[in-house]
Every structure is written in C-alpha cells, then in structure tokens.
Amino acid sequence: MTLEQTHLNTFGHFYELTPDAEMTASVEPGGEFTVRTLDSSGGQIRTDVDYADLDSSKFFPVVGPINIAGVKRGDTVGIEILEMKLDPLAHTWTRPGLGLLGQDRFAVMAVDTETLEIRPGGPASPVLASAEAKAHVGALGLLTDTVEPARTLGHYGGNIDFSAVGVGSTVWLTASVDGGGFFIGDIHATIGDGEVCGTGAETGAEVRLRIHRHEAVEPILPTVRDIDGRLWVIGIGSSVEEALKEATAYCVARVAEYEGIDKDAAYLSVGMLLTVKVCQVVNPRTSVAVSLDGGLDRVLRAVEATAANS
C-alpha cells in the first residue's frame, strides 16, 4: 500500500507497538508526507463528558506504523517536522490515578489552540493567564523489538513529551526493526514542564514530515535538534534521577570521545555546562532532555552533516 492510498484521515491508528506489526504505508527517504492525528483521548474528551462514558481502550492512538524504504535494523532515522496544523480546540485533563499529585477525580478544561487563553470558568469567563505557544509532537518513534503500549517510551522514541519537538526540529532514532515502522501522535498545543497533571493541551493535528535514512552507526539516545539548531538528548528512566543519570553519562562519554579528553575532564566539563529540561514525570518511565552550553552540544550530533538527506 502506498502513502497516497493512506493519506490523512484514512491512515490507521494503533495502540500497541510490536516488532511484527503490519505496516500501513510506505515512504521513501527524503520525501514529504502528511498525517492526521487524533488527540490522546482518541477524540473522546469534551468538557461535558463523564469519565465513566469514555472508552479507555481508545486512549493514546498513534498513526502508523509506516515503512521507511531501505531502512535496516541498526540504521539511524532522522525525522523532520516541517509543518503542523492544529485543531481549533485542545483539552487538558486528568483523572484518578493520573498525574503527580494523585488526583482523586476527573477534571477537564478546554483551550483555544490559537489564543491559548486559560479560562477556568469556561469560554465566556475571565482569562486567568495565557500559556506560551509550544506546539509540538508528544509521541513519535519507531517500532521496537519488544511489545510496548504506544503511550510509553524508550530508546526507540515514543511518548517523550519534549516541547522542542515542534516545527523546524529534527529527531534521530535508531531503528530496531527493518523498515523502521514510524509512528506519531499525542500532539500538544502547549505543555508545562513535567506534564504534572498527566496531559498537555491535547489536540488533533495535520503534521507534514520528512524522513531520512542514515546507514548503521553506533546506537544513540533519542536526539533532537531544535528550531534554533541546538542539540539535545533524551534520558529515560523509572525516575527523573535515573533518566538524568543516563543522559549525563551519555554526554560525558560523547565529550570524552569527540573532544579527545579523559573521562574525568569530560565529567567536570559536563558538570559546568549541562542544561536540563524535565519532559514528563507522570508515566512509569520518565524523560528528561539535556544539552550542553558553550557550543559543546556539537558532540551530541547523531549523524555527520555530509551523511544527511539519504
């Protein structure tokens, strides 16, 4: 099946990552394509809905999986986000068992994705504040060689929730299966650090993308180049401390290798230059994004510039 046959609304959605999942479309490296995503509730959340009326089996749909022609296990895949068109309305919500504070009830609030005005009393009520525009892709990745729910995350990508993964950014991942099996979903109009209530401003969107294949190199942590060209790596763990430890160790190893200094000097340098963004703390696996100041983020590059666009 070609991408043209599965464009936009006819793209399939799925909820579980499996290494042998059937690909729903195929793309050529370097070509552009557009997908249509649903919000993380599967289009069910409204301000007038009761949680008991929702079908939790439809939560967290992702689009795909999409075959990337020529990709082999171990290759590096670069995913460019070229354009995003958000739905007019987003919802932020929480429920019992979701979020950092142990919420004991269901709560939902609507947000206009253009103004991002927070109106706790409804659309006609006074504006409490306006959120910063941070439209981004909460979940994107490649099929992994284990069975995982789509809402989780790992070195294959997934539910990273890093607000820099917006228009103009590129994400690099290591393919675990032949064909890659690209997937995407969980678009946010904005989000606060940590996603502490369990959601951002969740919305559907059309997302235009371009994917590149790079021949096998050493495995990498998920790596992001933001719209300003700064490089970040994503650490993942069962706690923020564990995720930060993974990302820090990766930075130290990269500095030592690429700058030709010993690991003690690299560790001390990282200690002075590390920048940390907490992505999300509400899933069993948490994520943090780290970068290095002073231009040293250059050591985090996933591929050489001359190898790009293949």
C-alpha atoms as a PDB file:
ATOM      1  CA  MET A   1       0.000   0.000   0.000  1.00  0.00           C
ATOM      2  CA  THR A   2       1.392   3.431  -0.928  1.00  0.00           C
ATOM      3  CA  LEU A   3       1.238   6.568   1.160  1.00  0.00           C
ATOM      4  CA  GLU A   4      -1.134   8.215  -1.328  1.00  0.00           C
ATOM      5  CA  GLN A   5      -3.655   5.458  -0.627  1.00  0.00           C
ATOM      6  CA  THR A   6      -3.476   6.038   3.129  1.00  0.00           C
ATOM      7  CA  HIS A   7      -3.213   9.840   3.252  1.00  0.00           C
ATOM      8  CA  LEU A   8      -4.604  11.858   6.169  1.00  0.00           C
ATOM      9  CA  ASN A   9      -7.928  10.589   7.568  1.00  0.00           C
ATOM     10  CA  THR A  10      -7.528   7.125   6.055  1.00  0.00           C
ATOM     11  CA  PHE A  11      -4.301   6.481   7.953  1.00  0.00           C
ATOM     12  CA  GLY A  12      -4.743   3.730  10.504  1.00  0.00           C
ATOM     13  CA  HIS A  13      -4.277   4.181  14.229  1.00  0.00           C
ATOM     14  CA  PHE A  14      -2.879   1.598  16.614  1.00  0.00           C
ATOM     15  CA  TYR A  15      -2.270   1.277  20.340  1.00  0.00           C
ATOM     16  CA  GLU A  16       0.453  -1.309  20.851  1.00  0.00           C
ATOM     17  CA  LEU A  17       3.968  -1.469  19.432  1.00  0.00           C
ATOM     18  CA  THR A  18       5.021  -4.908  18.253  1.00  0.00           C
ATOM     19  CA  PRO A  19       8.088  -5.788  16.180  1.00  0.00           C
ATOM     20  CA  ASP A  20       5.992  -7.644  13.605  1.00  0.00           C
ATOM     21  CA  ALA A  21       3.208  -5.065  13.278  1.00  0.00           C
ATOM     22  CA  GLU A  22       1.819  -4.732   9.754  1.00  0.00           C
ATOM     23  CA  MET A  23       2.976  -1.537   8.050  1.00  0.00           C
ATOM     24  CA  THR A  24       0.062   0.675   6.940  1.00  0.00           C
ATOM     25  CA  ALA A  25       2.007   2.667   4.342  1.00  0.00           C
ATOM     26  CA  SER A  26       5.488   3.169   2.913  1.00  0.00           C
ATOM     27  CA  VAL A  27       7.545   6.324   2.343  1.00  0.00           C
ATOM     28  CA  GLU A  28      10.779   6.994   0.508  1.00  0.00           C
ATOM     29  CA  PRO A  29      13.592   8.685   2.434  1.00  0.00           C
ATOM     30  CA  GLY A  30      13.748  12.379   1.617  1.00  0.00           C
ATOM     31  CA  GLY A  31      10.100  12.617   0.511  1.00  0.00           C
ATOM     32  CA  GLU A  32       7.472  14.695   2.284  1.00  0.00           C
ATOM     33  CA  PHE A  33       4.189  13.309   3.577  1.00  0.00           C
ATOM     34  CA  THR A  34       1.339  14.410   5.841  1.00  0.00           C
ATOM     35  CA  VAL A  35      -0.510  12.505   8.552  1.00  0.00           C
ATOM     36  CA  ARG A  36      -3.674  13.271  10.513  1.00  0.00           C
ATOM     37  CA  THR A  37      -3.520  12.550  14.235  1.00  0.00           C
ATOM     38  CA  LEU A  38      -6.201  12.286  16.902  1.00  0.00           C
ATOM     39  CA  ASP A  39      -5.804  13.746  20.373  1.00  0.00           C
ATOM     40  CA  SER A  40      -4.587  11.455  23.138  1.00  0.00           C
ATOM     41  CA  SER A  41      -8.145  10.581  24.201  1.00  0.00           C
ATOM     42  CA  GLY A  42      -8.931   9.279  20.733  1.00  0.00           C
ATOM     43  CA  GLY A  43     -11.256  12.244  20.156  1.00  0.00           C
ATOM     44  CA  GLN A  44     -13.448  11.465  23.166  1.00  0.00           C
ATOM     45  CA  ILE A  45     -12.678  14.266  25.623  1.00  0.00           C
ATOM     46  CA  ARG A  46     -15.069  17.210  25.977  1.00  0.00           C
ATOM     47  CA  THR A  47     -15.927  19.464  28.901  1.00  0.00           C
ATOM     48  CA  ASP A  48     -19.416  17.923  29.129  1.00  0.00           C
ATOM     49  CA  VAL A  49     -18.341  14.278  29.179  1.00  0.00           C
ATOM     50  CA  ASP A  50     -18.280  11.948  32.185  1.00  0.00           C
ATOM     51  CA  TYR A  51     -15.199   9.805  32.620  1.00  0.00           C
ATOM     52  CA  ALA A  52     -17.375   6.707  33.005  1.00  0.00           C
ATOM     53  CA  ASP A  53     -18.617   7.244  29.454  1.00  0.00           C
ATOM     54  CA  LEU A  54     -15.115   7.125  27.929  1.00  0.00           C
ATOM     55  CA  ASP A  55     -13.610   4.028  26.352  1.00  0.00           C
ATOM     56  CA  SER A  56     -10.102   3.770  27.785  1.00  0.00           C
ATOM     57  CA  SER A  57      -9.130   1.220  25.117  1.00  0.00           C
ATOM     58  CA  LYS A  58      -9.230   4.116  22.631  1.00  0.00           C
ATOM     59  CA  PHE A  59      -6.838   6.292  24.617  1.00  0.00           C
ATOM     60  CA  PHE A  60      -3.480   7.200  23.066  1.00  0.00           C
ATOM     61  CA  PRO A  61      -3.871   6.288  19.407  1.00  0.00           C
ATOM     62  CA  VAL A  62      -0.812   6.752  17.205  1.00  0.00           C
ATOM     63  CA  VAL A  63      -0.668   6.872  13.412  1.00  0.00           C
ATOM     64  CA  GLY A  64       1.224   4.130  11.615  1.00  0.00           C
ATOM     65  CA  PRO A  65       3.312   2.079  11.592  1.00  0.00           C
ATOM     66  CA  ILE A  66       4.866   3.428   8.379  1.00  0.00           C
ATOM     67  CA  ASN A  67       7.573   1.574   6.494  1.00  0.00           C
ATOM     68  CA  ILE A  68      10.646   3.636   5.546  1.00  0.00           C
ATOM     69  CA  ALA A  69      12.062   2.204   2.341  1.00  0.00           C
ATOM     70  CA  GLY A  70      15.558   0.814   2.713  1.00  0.00           C
ATOM     71  CA  VAL A  71      15.820   1.153   6.479  1.00  0.00           C
ATOM     72  CA  LYS A  72      17.526  -1.750   8.216  1.00  0.00           C
ATOM     73  CA  ARG A  73      17.764  -2.634  11.876  1.00  0.00           C
ATOM     74  CA  GLY A  74      20.542  -0.509  13.402  1.00  0.00           C
ATOM     75  CA  ASP A  75      20.215   2.369  10.931  1.00  0.00           C
ATOM     76  CA  THR A  76      19.745   5.903  12.205  1.00  0.00           C
ATOM     77  CA  VAL A  77      16.468   7.532  11.147  1.00  0.00           C
ATOM     78  CA  GLY A  78      16.059  11.316  11.070  1.00  0.00           C
ATOM     79  CA  ILE A  79      12.513  12.708  11.340  1.00  0.00           C
ATOM     80  CA  GLU A  80      11.949  16.341  10.328  1.00  0.00           C
ATOM     81  CA  ILE A  81       8.788  18.175  11.404  1.00  0.00           C
ATOM     82  CA  LEU A  82       8.005  20.608   8.599  1.00  0.00           C
ATOM     83  CA  GLU A  83       4.537  21.914   9.413  1.00  0.00           C
ATOM     84  CA  MET A  84       1.725  21.433  11.918  1.00  0.00           C
ATOM     85  CA  LYS A  85      -1.911  22.493  11.606  1.00  0.00           C
ATOM     86  CA  LEU A  86      -3.628  22.136  14.968  1.00  0.00           C
ATOM     87  CA  ASP A  87      -7.325  21.580  15.504  1.00  0.00           C
ATOM     88  CA  PRO A  88      -9.060  24.725  16.861  1.00  0.00           C
ATOM     89  CA  LEU A  89      -9.681  23.264  20.309  1.00  0.00           C
ATOM     90  CA  ALA A  90      -7.480  21.418  22.780  1.00  0.00           C
ATOM     91  CA  HIS A  91      -8.311  19.850  26.147  1.00  0.00           C
ATOM     92  CA  THR A  92      -6.179  19.366  29.194  1.00  0.00           C
ATOM     93  CA  TRP A  93      -7.491  16.787  31.622  1.00  0.00           C
ATOM     94  CA  THR A  94      -6.705  14.481  34.467  1.00  0.00           C
ATOM     95  CA  ARG A  95      -8.346  11.531  36.184  1.00  0.00           C
ATOM     96  CA  PRO A  96      -7.923   9.337  39.268  1.00  0.00           C
ATOM     97  CA  GLY A  97      -4.510   7.716  39.197  1.00  0.00           C
ATOM     98  CA  LEU A  98      -3.068  10.150  36.638  1.00  0.00           C
ATOM     99  CA  GLY A  99      -0.615  12.934  37.385  1.00  0.00           C
ATOM    100  CA  LEU A 100       1.918  13.903  40.005  1.00  0.00           C
ATOM    101  CA  LEU A 101      -0.450  14.846  42.832  1.00  0.00           C
ATOM    102  CA  GLY A 102      -2.579  11.704  42.989  1.00  0.00           C
ATOM    103  CA  GLN A 103      -5.791  13.217  41.626  1.00  0.00           C
ATOM    104  CA  ASP A 104      -8.976  11.621  43.027  1.00  0.00           C
ATOM    105  CA  ARG A 105     -11.479  12.828  40.396  1.00  0.00           C
ATOM    106  CA  PHE A 106     -11.891  13.562  36.702  1.00  0.00           C
ATOM    107  CA  ALA A 107     -11.352  17.156  35.560  1.00  0.00           C
ATOM    108  CA  VAL A 108     -11.157  18.705  32.095  1.00  0.00           C
ATOM    109  CA  MET A 109     -10.642  22.192  30.663  1.00  0.00           C
ATOM    110  CA  ALA A 110     -10.886  23.398  27.052  1.00  0.00           C
ATOM    111  CA  VAL A 111      -8.205  25.625  25.499  1.00  0.00           C
ATOM    112  CA  ASP A 112      -8.330  27.575  22.232  1.00  0.00           C
ATOM    113  CA  THR A 113      -5.211  26.466  20.346  1.00  0.00           C
ATOM    114  CA  GLU A 114      -4.737  29.892  18.757  1.00  0.00           C
ATOM    115  CA  THR A 115      -5.039  32.144  21.809  1.00  0.00           C
ATOM    116  CA  LEU A 116      -4.024  29.588  24.488  1.00  0.00           C
ATOM    117  CA  GLU A 117      -6.086  31.612  26.957  1.00  0.00           C
ATOM    118  CA  ILE A 118      -6.780  29.751  30.189  1.00  0.00           C
ATOM    119  CA  ARG A 119     -10.398  30.330  31.221  1.00  0.00           C
ATOM    120  CA  PRO A 120     -11.206  28.042  34.174  1.00  0.00           C
ATOM    121  CA  GLY A 121     -14.880  29.018  34.179  1.00  0.00           C
ATOM    122  CA  GLY A 122     -15.475  28.285  30.508  1.00  0.00           C
ATOM    123  CA  PRO A 123     -15.148  30.223  27.242  1.00  0.00           C
ATOM    124  CA  ALA A 124     -17.076  33.292  28.494  1.00  0.00           C
ATOM    125  CA  SER A 125     -15.215  33.552  31.825  1.00  0.00           C
ATOM    126  CA  PRO A 126     -12.257  35.848  32.615  1.00  0.00           C
ATOM    127  CA  VAL A 127      -8.778  34.923  31.402  1.00  0.00           C
ATOM    128  CA  LEU A 128      -6.599  33.564  34.194  1.00  0.00           C
ATOM    129  CA  ALA A 129      -3.453  33.644  32.049  1.00  0.00           C
ATOM    130  CA  SER A 130      -2.264  32.853  28.537  1.00  0.00           C
ATOM    131  CA  ALA A 131       0.024  29.881  28.047  1.00  0.00           C
ATOM    132  CA  GLU A 132       3.169  30.061  25.944  1.00  0.00           C
ATOM    133  CA  ALA A 133       2.776  28.609  22.456  1.00  0.00           C
ATOM    134  CA  LYS A 134       4.696  25.328  22.383  1.00  0.00           C
ATOM    135  CA  ALA A 135       3.018  23.314  19.651  1.00  0.00           C
ATOM    136  CA  HIS A 136       4.869  20.008  19.442  1.00  0.00           C
ATOM    137  CA  VAL A 137       4.640  16.279  18.868  1.00  0.00           C
ATOM    138  CA  GLY A 138       4.376  14.442  22.179  1.00  0.00           C
ATOM    139  CA  ALA A 139       4.943  10.945  20.775  1.00  0.00           C
ATOM    140  CA  LEU A 140       6.892   9.800  17.750  1.00  0.00           C
ATOM    141  CA  GLY A 141       9.181   6.871  17.256  1.00  0.00           C
ATOM    142  CA  LEU A 142       9.972   3.603  15.550  1.00  0.00           C
ATOM    143  CA  LEU A 143       8.753   0.094  16.286  1.00  0.00           C
ATOM    144  CA  THR A 144      10.773  -1.569  18.989  1.00  0.00           C
ATOM    145  CA  ASP A 145      11.913  -5.190  19.240  1.00  0.00           C
ATOM    146  CA  THR A 146       9.721  -5.701  22.318  1.00  0.00           C
ATOM    147  CA  VAL A 147       5.965  -5.359  22.822  1.00  0.00           C
ATOM    148  CA  GLU A 148       5.120  -1.974  24.365  1.00  0.00           C
ATOM    149  CA  PRO A 149       1.970   0.137  24.774  1.00  0.00           C
ATOM    150  CA  ALA A 150       2.050   3.133  22.442  1.00  0.00           C
ATOM    151  CA  ARG A 151       1.780   5.519  25.395  1.00  0.00           C
ATOM    152  CA  THR A 152       5.154   4.557  26.863  1.00  0.00           C
ATOM    153  CA  LEU A 153       8.679   5.466  25.744  1.00  0.00           C
ATOM    154  CA  GLY A 154      12.173   4.086  25.322  1.00  0.00           C
ATOM    155  CA  HIS A 155      15.283   4.444  23.201  1.00  0.00           C
ATOM    156  CA  TYR A 156      13.028   3.903  20.171  1.00  0.00           C
ATOM    157  CA  GLY A 157      11.234   7.179  20.987  1.00  0.00           C
ATOM    158  CA  GLY A 158       7.566   7.138  21.914  1.00  0.00           C
ATOM    159  CA  ASN A 159       5.878   9.372  24.483  1.00  0.00           C
ATOM    160  CA  ILE A 160       8.836  11.690  25.083  1.00  0.00           C
ATOM    161  CA  ASP A 161       6.784  14.897  25.571  1.00  0.00           C
ATOM    162  CA  PHE A 162       9.683  17.266  24.844  1.00  0.00           C
ATOM    163  CA  SER A 163       8.281  20.675  23.880  1.00  0.00           C
ATOM    164  CA  ALA A 164      11.173  21.378  21.472  1.00  0.00           C
ATOM    165  CA  VAL A 165       9.905  18.677  19.082  1.00  0.00           C
ATOM    166  CA  GLY A 166       7.935  21.205  17.044  1.00  0.00           C
ATOM    167  CA  VAL A 167       8.081  22.735  13.583  1.00  0.00           C
ATOM    168  CA  GLY A 168      11.668  23.118  12.425  1.00  0.00           C
ATOM    169  CA  SER A 169      13.026  20.354  14.648  1.00  0.00           C
ATOM    170  CA  THR A 170      14.563  17.000  13.747  1.00  0.00           C
ATOM    171  CA  VAL A 171      14.568  13.835  15.864  1.00  0.00           C
ATOM    172  CA  TRP A 172      17.062  10.996  15.326  1.00  0.00           C
ATOM    173  CA  LEU A 173      16.398   7.439  16.499  1.00  0.00           C
ATOM    174  CA  THR A 174      17.991   4.039  15.999  1.00  0.00           C
ATOM    175  CA  ALA A 175      15.831   1.542  14.101  1.00  0.00           C
ATOM    176  CA  SER A 176      15.086  -1.686  15.968  1.00  0.00           C
ATOM    177  CA  VAL A 177      13.381  -3.471  13.060  1.00  0.00           C
ATOM    178  CA  ASP A 178      13.789  -3.486   9.280  1.00  0.00           C
ATOM    179  CA  GLY A 179      11.594  -0.801   7.743  1.00  0.00           C
ATOM    180  CA  GLY A 180      11.685   1.280  10.925  1.00  0.00           C
ATOM    181  CA  GLY A 181       7.923   1.351  11.491  1.00  0.00           C
ATOM    182  CA  PHE A 182       7.481   5.075  12.108  1.00  0.00           C
ATOM    183  CA  PHE A 183       4.580   6.216  14.302  1.00  0.00           C
ATOM    184  CA  ILE A 184       3.333   9.574  15.561  1.00  0.00           C
ATOM    185  CA  GLY A 185       0.610  11.010  17.819  1.00  0.00           C
ATOM    186  CA  ASP A 186      -0.137  12.918  21.040  1.00  0.00           C
ATOM    187  CA  ILE A 187       0.084  16.463  19.665  1.00  0.00           C
ATOM    188  CA  HIS A 188       0.126  19.298  22.205  1.00  0.00           C
ATOM    189  CA  ALA A 189      -0.656  22.979  21.623  1.00  0.00           C
ATOM    190  CA  THR A 190       1.366  23.681  24.750  1.00  0.00           C
ATOM    191  CA  ILE A 191       2.656  21.890  27.828  1.00  0.00           C
ATOM    192  CA  GLY A 192       4.194  22.717  31.175  1.00  0.00           C
ATOM    193  CA  ASP A 193       7.484  21.168  32.263  1.00  0.00           C
ATOM    194  CA  GLY A 194       6.905  17.691  33.655  1.00  0.00           C
ATOM    195  CA  GLU A 195       3.324  17.361  32.316  1.00  0.00           C
ATOM    196  CA  VAL A 196       2.420  17.183  36.014  1.00  0.00           C
ATOM    197  CA  CYS A 197      -1.372  16.702  35.687  1.00  0.00           C
ATOM    198  CA  GLY A 198      -0.831  13.933  33.129  1.00  0.00           C
ATOM    199  CA  THR A 199      -1.677  15.860  29.958  1.00  0.00           C
ATOM    200  CA  GLY A 200      -0.730  18.947  27.996  1.00  0.00           C
ATOM    201  CA  ALA A 201      -3.156  20.872  25.811  1.00  0.00           C
ATOM    202  CA  GLU A 202      -4.138  17.750  23.866  1.00  0.00           C
ATOM    203  CA  THR A 203      -5.342  18.199  20.293  1.00  0.00           C
ATOM    204  CA  GLY A 204      -5.507  16.610  16.884  1.00  0.00           C
ATOM    205  CA  ALA A 205      -3.432  17.916  14.003  1.00  0.00           C
ATOM    206  CA  GLU A 206      -2.185  17.534  10.476  1.00  0.00           C
ATOM    207  CA  VAL A 207       1.587  17.107  10.539  1.00  0.00           C
ATOM    208  CA  ARG A 208       3.849  17.363   7.481  1.00  0.00           C
ATOM    209  CA  LEU A 209       7.075  15.373   7.803  1.00  0.00           C
ATOM    210  CA  ARG A 210      10.202  14.261   6.005  1.00  0.00           C
ATOM    211  CA  ILE A 211      12.242  11.209   6.996  1.00  0.00           C
ATOM    212  CA  HIS A 212      15.888  10.408   6.238  1.00  0.00           C
ATOM    213  CA  ARG A 213      17.840   7.183   6.463  1.00  0.00           C
ATOM    214  CA  HIS A 214      21.451   7.040   7.598  1.00  0.00           C
ATOM    215  CA  GLU A 215      23.413   3.813   7.432  1.00  0.00           C
ATOM    216  CA  ALA A 216      24.127   1.989  10.651  1.00  0.00           C
ATOM    217  CA  VAL A 217      26.241   3.842  13.188  1.00  0.00           C
ATOM    218  CA  GLU A 218      26.603   3.292  16.908  1.00  0.00           C
ATOM    219  CA  PRO A 219      23.255   3.203  18.781  1.00  0.00           C
ATOM    220  CA  ILE A 220      22.212   6.612  20.090  1.00  0.00           C
ATOM    221  CA  LEU A 221      19.872   8.014  22.690  1.00  0.00           C
ATOM    222  CA  PRO A 222      16.922   9.823  21.092  1.00  0.00           C
ATOM    223  CA  THR A 223      18.484  13.046  19.823  1.00  0.00           C
ATOM    224  CA  VAL A 224      16.692  16.309  19.000  1.00  0.00           C
ATOM    225  CA  ARG A 225      17.848  19.344  17.053  1.00  0.00           C
ATOM    226  CA  ASP A 226      15.505  22.197  17.974  1.00  0.00           C
ATOM    227  CA  ILE A 227      14.402  25.040  15.718  1.00  0.00           C
ATOM    228  CA  ASP A 228      17.430  27.086  16.820  1.00  0.00           C
ATOM    229  CA  GLY A 229      19.857  24.313  15.891  1.00  0.00           C
ATOM    230  CA  ARG A 230      20.665  23.281  19.462  1.00  0.00           C
ATOM    231  CA  LEU A 231      21.147  19.564  20.090  1.00  0.00           C
ATOM    232  CA  TRP A 232      19.529  17.672  22.971  1.00  0.00           C
ATOM    233  CA  VAL A 233      19.470  14.042  24.038  1.00  0.00           C
ATOM    234  CA  ILE A 234      16.631  12.333  25.876  1.00  0.00           C
ATOM    235  CA  GLY A 235      17.370  10.321  29.001  1.00  0.00           C
ATOM    236  CA  ILE A 236      14.776   7.757  30.084  1.00  0.00           C
ATOM    237  CA  GLY A 237      14.366   6.003  33.409  1.00  0.00           C
ATOM    238  CA  SER A 238      11.994   4.934  36.156  1.00  0.00           C
ATOM    239  CA  SER A 239      12.614   8.276  37.894  1.00  0.00           C
ATOM    240  CA  VAL A 240      13.864  11.738  36.940  1.00  0.00           C
ATOM    241  CA  GLU A 241      17.148  10.958  38.684  1.00  0.00           C
ATOM    242  CA  GLU A 242      17.595   7.737  36.697  1.00  0.00           C
ATOM    243  CA  ALA A 243      16.736   9.467  33.411  1.00  0.00           C
ATOM    244  CA  LEU A 244      19.145  12.299  34.176  1.00  0.00           C
ATOM    245  CA  LYS A 245      21.868   9.840  35.099  1.00  0.00           C
ATOM    246  CA  GLU A 246      21.522   8.073  31.731  1.00  0.00           C
ATOM    247  CA  ALA A 247      21.641  11.317  29.759  1.00  0.00           C
ATOM    248  CA  THR A 248      24.566  12.688  31.777  1.00  0.00           C
ATOM    249  CA  ALA A 249      26.627   9.530  31.307  1.00  0.00           C
ATOM    250  CA  TYR A 250      25.934   9.725  27.566  1.00  0.00           C
ATOM    251  CA  CYS A 251      27.109  13.353  27.465  1.00  0.00           C
ATOM    252  CA  VAL A 252      30.294  12.540  29.382  1.00  0.00           C
ATOM    253  CA  ALA A 253      31.129   9.672  27.030  1.00  0.00           C
ATOM    254  CA  ARG A 254      30.476  11.868  23.972  1.00  0.00           C
ATOM    255  CA  VAL A 255      32.608  14.739  25.247  1.00  0.00           C
ATOM    256  CA  ALA A 256      35.495  12.390  26.047  1.00  0.00           C
ATOM    257  CA  GLU A 257      35.319  10.645  22.672  1.00  0.00           C
ATOM    258  CA  TYR A 258      34.774  13.579  20.349  1.00  0.00           C
ATOM    259  CA  GLU A 259      36.959  16.111  22.136  1.00  0.00           C
ATOM    260  CA  GLY A 260      39.761  13.652  22.896  1.00  0.00           C
ATOM    261  CA  ILE A 261      39.937  14.234  26.651  1.00  0.00           C
ATOM    262  CA  ASP A 262      39.827  11.815  29.557  1.00  0.00           C
ATOM    263  CA  LYS A 263      36.533  10.994  31.240  1.00  0.00           C
ATOM    264  CA  ASP A 264      37.379  12.873  34.449  1.00  0.00           C
ATOM    265  CA  ALA A 265      37.895  16.094  32.499  1.00  0.00           C
ATOM    266  CA  ALA A 266      34.759  15.374  30.458  1.00  0.00           C
ATOM    267  CA  TYR A 267      32.688  14.782  33.616  1.00  0.00           C
ATOM    268  CA  LEU A 268      33.862  18.029  35.205  1.00  0.00           C
ATOM    269  CA  SER A 269      33.153  19.936  31.994  1.00  0.00           C
ATOM    270  CA  VAL A 270      29.645  18.481  31.726  1.00  0.00           C
ATOM    271  CA  GLY A 271      29.041  19.453  35.339  1.00  0.00           C
ATOM    272  CA  MET A 272      29.551  23.113  34.405  1.00  0.00           C
ATOM    273  CA  LEU A 273      27.730  23.075  31.072  1.00  0.00           C
ATOM    274  CA  LEU A 274      24.706  20.807  31.496  1.00  0.00           C
ATOM    275  CA  THR A 275      21.221  22.193  30.784  1.00  0.00           C
ATOM    276  CA  VAL A 276      18.216  20.076  31.788  1.00  0.00           C
ATOM    277  CA  LYS A 277      14.526  20.163  30.786  1.00  0.00           C
ATOM    278  CA  VAL A 278      12.134  17.819  32.582  1.00  0.00           C
ATOM    279  CA  CYS A 279       9.813  16.415  29.906  1.00  0.00           C
ATOM    280  CA  GLN A 280       7.344  14.238  31.793  1.00  0.00           C
ATOM    281  CA  VAL A 281       7.235  12.682  35.251  1.00  0.00           C
ATOM    282  CA  VAL A 282       3.808  11.003  35.195  1.00  0.00           C
ATOM    283  CA  ASN A 283       4.451   7.720  33.377  1.00  0.00           C
ATOM    284  CA  PRO A 284       6.264   4.682  34.778  1.00  0.00           C
ATOM    285  CA  ARG A 285       9.160   5.757  32.527  1.00  0.00           C
ATOM    286  CA  THR A 286      10.106   9.415  32.874  1.00  0.00           C
ATOM    287  CA  SER A 287      12.041  11.529  30.386  1.00  0.00           C
ATOM    288  CA  VAL A 288      14.440  14.456  30.582  1.00  0.00           C
ATOM    289  CA  ALA A 289      16.121  16.395  27.783  1.00  0.00           C
ATOM    290  CA  VAL A 290      19.688  17.572  28.291  1.00  0.00           C
ATOM    291  CA  SER A 291      22.035  19.772  26.308  1.00  0.00           C
ATOM    292  CA  LEU A 292      25.460  21.329  26.801  1.00  0.00           C
ATOM    293  CA  ASP A 293      26.140  25.070  26.890  1.00  0.00           C
ATOM    294  CA  GLY A 294      29.063  26.877  25.299  1.00  0.00           C
ATOM    295  CA  GLY A 295      28.577  25.212  21.927  1.00  0.00           C
ATOM    296  CA  LEU A 296      29.600  21.829  23.289  1.00  0.00           C
ATOM    297  CA  ASP A 297      26.214  20.401  22.302  1.00  0.00           C
ATOM    298  CA  ARG A 298      28.039  19.727  18.991  1.00  0.00           C
ATOM    299  CA  VAL A 299      29.238  16.415  20.436  1.00  0.00           C
ATOM    300  CA  LEU A 300      25.618  15.204  20.620  1.00  0.00           C
ATOM    301  CA  ARG A 301      25.133  15.178  16.838  1.00  0.00           C
ATOM    302  CA  ALA A 302      23.578  11.918  15.705  1.00  0.00           C
ATOM    303  CA  VAL A 303      24.983  11.926  12.170  1.00  0.00           C
ATOM    304  CA  GLU A 304      27.568  13.857  10.210  1.00  0.00           C
ATOM    305  CA  ALA A 305      26.153  16.614   8.010  1.00  0.00           C
ATOM    306  CA  THR A 306      27.660  15.024   4.928  1.00  0.00           C
ATOM    307  CA  ALA A 307      25.715  11.805   5.624  1.00  0.00           C
ATOM    308  CA  ALA A 308      22.339  13.522   5.787  1.00  0.00           C
ATOM    309  CA  ASN A 309      19.476  13.508   3.303  1.00  0.00           C
ATOM    310  CA  SER A 310      19.949   9.906   2.210  1.00  0.00           C
END
